[in-house]
C-alpha cells in the first residue's frame, strides 16, 4: 500500500486495501473457529484432557447394553 501511495496509483492502493482486509478477516475467522473448538473440547471435562465428553458417553452407553441373547430376570 505504501508503494501505491508513493506512486499515486489509486487502483493498486484499493487492491492493497482489499487484500489487507481479506487477510485480516481470515486471521480473525481462524482464531474464532479455534476458540470454539477449544471450548468444545475442554468444557465440562473434569480431568482436563482434550477429549470430547460425547465419546465417553457413547462408550458408557455401549457398556450398559446387554450382550445379544442374554436375558435378565
C-alpha atoms as a PDB file:
ATOM      1  CA  UNK A   1       0.000   0.000   0.000  1.00  0.00           C
ATOM      2  CA  UNK A   2       2.914   2.292   0.729  1.00  0.00           C
ATOM      3  CA  UNK A   3       4.248   1.938  -2.824  1.00  0.00           C
ATOM      4  CA  UNK A   4       0.801   2.686  -4.251  1.00  0.00           C
ATOM      5  CA  UNK A   5       0.608   5.860  -2.146  1.00  0.00           C
ATOM      6  CA  UNK A   6       4.069   6.968  -3.247  1.00  0.00           C
ATOM      7  CA  UNK A   7       3.352   6.365  -6.927  1.00  0.00           C
ATOM      8  CA  UNK A   8      -0.186   7.770  -6.768  1.00  0.00           C
ATOM      9  CA  UNK A   9      -1.722   4.570  -8.158  1.00  0.00           C
ATOM     10  CA  UNK A  10      -5.301   4.584  -6.856  1.00  0.00           C
ATOM     11  CA  UNK A  11      -6.202   1.165  -8.284  1.00  0.00           C
ATOM     12  CA  UNK A  12      -3.176  -0.509  -6.706  1.00  0.00           C
ATOM     13  CA  UNK A  13      -3.917   1.186  -3.368  1.00  0.00           C
ATOM     14  CA  UNK A  14      -7.527  -0.005  -3.464  1.00  0.00           C
ATOM     15  CA  UNK A  15      -6.421  -3.578  -4.266  1.00  0.00           C
ATOM     16  CA  UNK A  16      -3.902  -3.476  -1.402  1.00  0.00           C
ATOM     17  CA  UNK A  17      -6.656  -2.391   0.996  1.00  0.00           C
ATOM     18  CA  UNK A  18      -8.870  -5.252  -0.163  1.00  0.00           C
ATOM     19  CA  UNK A  19      -6.047  -7.783   0.207  1.00  0.00           C
ATOM     20  CA  UNK A  20      -5.232  -6.497   3.698  1.00  0.00           C
ATOM     21  CA  UNK A  21      -8.894  -6.674   4.730  1.00  0.00           C
ATOM     22  CA  UNK A  22      -9.264 -10.230   3.423  1.00  0.00           C
ATOM     23  CA  UNK A  23      -6.124 -11.386   5.227  1.00  0.00           C
ATOM     24  CA  UNK A  24      -7.288  -9.727   8.458  1.00  0.00           C
ATOM     25  CA  UNK A  25     -10.748 -11.309   8.210  1.00  0.00           C
ATOM     26  CA  UNK A  26      -9.206 -14.721   7.548  1.00  0.00           C
ATOM     27  CA  UNK A  27      -6.990 -14.485  10.636  1.00  0.00           C
ATOM     28  CA  UNK A  28      -9.918 -13.408  12.821  1.00  0.00           C
ATOM     29  CA  UNK A  29     -12.132 -16.223  11.495  1.00  0.00           C
ATOM     30  CA  UNK A  30      -9.422 -18.826  12.101  1.00  0.00           C
ATOM     31  CA  UNK A  31      -8.954 -17.562  15.658  1.00  0.00           C
ATOM     32  CA  UNK A  32     -12.726 -17.594  16.242  1.00  0.00           C
ATOM     33  CA  UNK A  33     -13.125 -21.178  14.996  1.00  0.00           C
ATOM     34  CA  UNK A  34     -10.099 -22.344  17.005  1.00  0.00           C
ATOM     35  CA  UNK A  35     -11.564 -20.832  20.179  1.00  0.00           C
ATOM     36  CA  UNK A  36     -14.913 -22.538  19.600  1.00  0.00           C
ATOM     37  CA  UNK A  37     -13.290 -25.925  19.019  1.00  0.00           C
ATOM     38  CA  UNK A  38     -11.057 -25.493  22.052  1.00  0.00           C
ATOM     39  CA  UNK A  39     -14.064 -24.638  24.230  1.00  0.00           C
ATOM     40  CA  UNK A  40     -15.952 -27.670  22.947  1.00  0.00           C
ATOM     41  CA  UNK A  41     -13.007 -29.938  23.677  1.00  0.00           C
ATOM     42  CA  UNK A  42     -12.412 -28.705  27.221  1.00  0.00           C
ATOM     43  CA  UNK A  43     -15.843 -27.702  28.550  1.00  0.00           C
ATOM     44  CA  UNK A  44     -17.235 -29.855  31.312  1.00  0.00           C
ATOM     45  CA  UNK A  45     -14.328 -32.278  31.289  1.00  0.00           C
ATOM     46  CA  UNK A  46     -13.159 -32.605  34.914  1.00  0.00           C
ATOM     47  CA  UNK A  47      -9.870 -34.402  34.218  1.00  0.00           C
ATOM     48  CA  UNK A  48      -8.702 -31.562  31.961  1.00  0.00           C
ATOM     49  CA  UNK A  49      -7.709 -33.591  28.940  1.00  0.00           C
ATOM     50  CA  UNK A  50      -8.867 -32.567  25.488  1.00  0.00           C
ATOM     51  CA  UNK A  51     -11.225 -35.416  24.649  1.00  0.00           C
ATOM     52  CA  UNK A  52     -14.854 -34.821  23.889  1.00  0.00           C
ATOM     53  CA  UNK A  53     -17.356 -35.871  26.549  1.00  0.00           C
ATOM     54  CA  UNK A  54     -19.613 -37.299  23.837  1.00  0.00           C
ATOM     55  CA  UNK A  55     -17.103 -40.073  23.116  1.00  0.00           C
ATOM     56  CA  UNK A  56     -17.107 -41.088  26.785  1.00  0.00           C
ATOM     57  CA  UNK A  57     -20.919 -41.107  26.859  1.00  0.00           C
ATOM     58  CA  UNK A  58     -21.069 -43.341  23.773  1.00  0.00           C
ATOM     59  CA  UNK A  59     -18.632 -45.812  25.327  1.00  0.00           C
ATOM     60  CA  UNK A  60     -20.646 -45.886  28.564  1.00  0.00           C
ATOM     61  CA  UNK A  61     -23.860 -46.498  26.619  1.00  0.00           C
ATOM     62  CA  UNK A  62     -22.267 -49.435  24.826  1.00  0.00           C
ATOM     63  CA  UNK A  63     -21.111 -50.904  28.151  1.00  0.00           C
ATOM     64  CA  UNK A  64     -24.664 -50.733  29.580  1.00  0.00           C
ATOM     65  CA  UNK A  65     -26.274 -52.720  26.776  1.00  0.00           C
ATOM     66  CA  UNK A  66     -26.646 -56.449  27.471  1.00  0.00           C
ATOM     67  CA  UNK A  67     -24.915 -58.936  25.221  1.00  0.00           C
ATOM     68  CA  UNK A  68     -27.018 -60.355  22.431  1.00  0.00           C
ATOM     69  CA  UNK A  69     -29.044 -63.395  23.521  1.00  0.00           C
ATOM     70  CA  UNK A  70     -28.631 -62.665  27.271  1.00  0.00           C
ATOM     71  CA  UNK A  71     -31.884 -62.298  29.214  1.00  0.00           C
ATOM     72  CA  UNK A  72     -32.192 -60.847  32.677  1.00  0.00           C
ATOM     73  CA  UNK A  73     -34.934 -61.940  35.071  1.00  0.00           C
END
